[in-house]
Amino acid sequence: MAYGAHRSPLLPPRPDLTLARDCEQCLGWGTVVTRDGDHELCRGCQPGALDEEGCSGPGL
């Protein structure tokens, strides 16, 4: 039996790449991957990242 990555039912967030261009935290991608494998907006360069419900993980 083959196993693969499961697909998330939610679409990944859409970052503003202009803001992310020089960010050292996300390396210009505008998103970061959590310990659970989810994509979240980068808190360092994306202004709406702190307003989202899914961005309240410990240690981030």
Protein backbone atom coordinates (compact mmCIF):
# COMPACT_ATOMS: atom_id res chain seq x y z
CA MET A 1 0.00 0.00 0.00
CA ALA A 2 1.39 3.39 -0.96
CA TYR A 3 1.18 6.38 1.31
CA GLY A 4 1.39 9.99 0.26
CA ALA A 5 0.83 13.43 1.62
CA HIS A 6 -2.77 14.24 2.39
CA ARG A 7 -4.29 17.23 0.70
CA SER A 8 -5.56 20.10 2.76
CA PRO A 9 -9.15 21.10 2.00
CA LEU A 10 -8.20 24.75 2.46
CA LEU A 11 -6.33 26.83 -0.06
CA PRO A 12 -2.94 28.17 1.05
CA PRO A 13 -2.83 31.85 2.00
CA ARG A 14 -1.96 34.39 -0.70
CA PRO A 15 0.93 36.57 0.44
CA ASP A 16 1.94 39.95 -0.94
CA LEU A 17 5.25 39.05 -2.61
CA THR A 18 6.29 42.68 -2.85
CA LEU A 19 6.37 42.86 0.96
CA ALA A 20 8.10 39.48 1.20
CA ARG A 21 10.94 40.30 -1.19
CA ASP A 22 13.64 41.08 1.43
CA CYS A 23 12.23 39.11 4.38
CA GLU A 24 14.78 36.86 6.07
CA GLN A 25 12.17 34.88 7.97
CA CYS A 26 10.29 33.50 4.95
CA LEU A 27 13.11 34.01 2.41
CA GLY A 28 10.86 35.97 0.07
CA TRP A 29 8.03 33.44 -0.12
CA GLY A 30 5.59 35.31 2.14
CA THR A 31 4.52 32.13 3.89
CA VAL A 32 6.06 29.79 6.44
CA VAL A 33 5.35 26.11 7.09
CA THR A 34 4.17 25.21 10.59
CA ARG A 35 5.15 22.10 12.54
CA ASP A 36 1.88 20.54 11.36
CA GLY A 37 2.81 21.12 7.72
CA ASP A 38 0.33 23.93 7.15
CA HIS A 39 1.21 27.14 5.30
CA GLU A 40 0.67 30.40 7.16
CA LEU A 41 1.40 33.98 6.23
CA CYS A 42 4.79 35.16 7.47
CA ARG A 43 4.51 37.27 10.63
CA GLY A 44 7.61 39.21 9.69
CA CYS A 45 6.45 40.72 6.41
CA GLN A 46 2.72 40.16 5.95
CA PRO A 47 0.56 42.72 7.78
CA GLY A 48 -2.55 40.49 8.01
CA ALA A 49 -0.69 37.51 9.49
CA LEU A 50 -1.45 38.36 13.11
CA ASP A 51 -5.17 38.83 12.42
CA GLU A 52 -5.74 35.28 11.22
CA GLU A 53 -7.07 32.61 13.58
CA GLY A 54 -4.57 29.94 12.53
CA CYS A 55 -1.47 31.96 13.47
CA SER A 56 -1.58 31.43 17.21
CA GLY A 57 0.71 28.41 17.45
CA PRO A 58 3.08 28.05 20.41
CA GLY A 59 6.69 28.97 19.82
CA LEU A 60 6.03 30.97 16.67
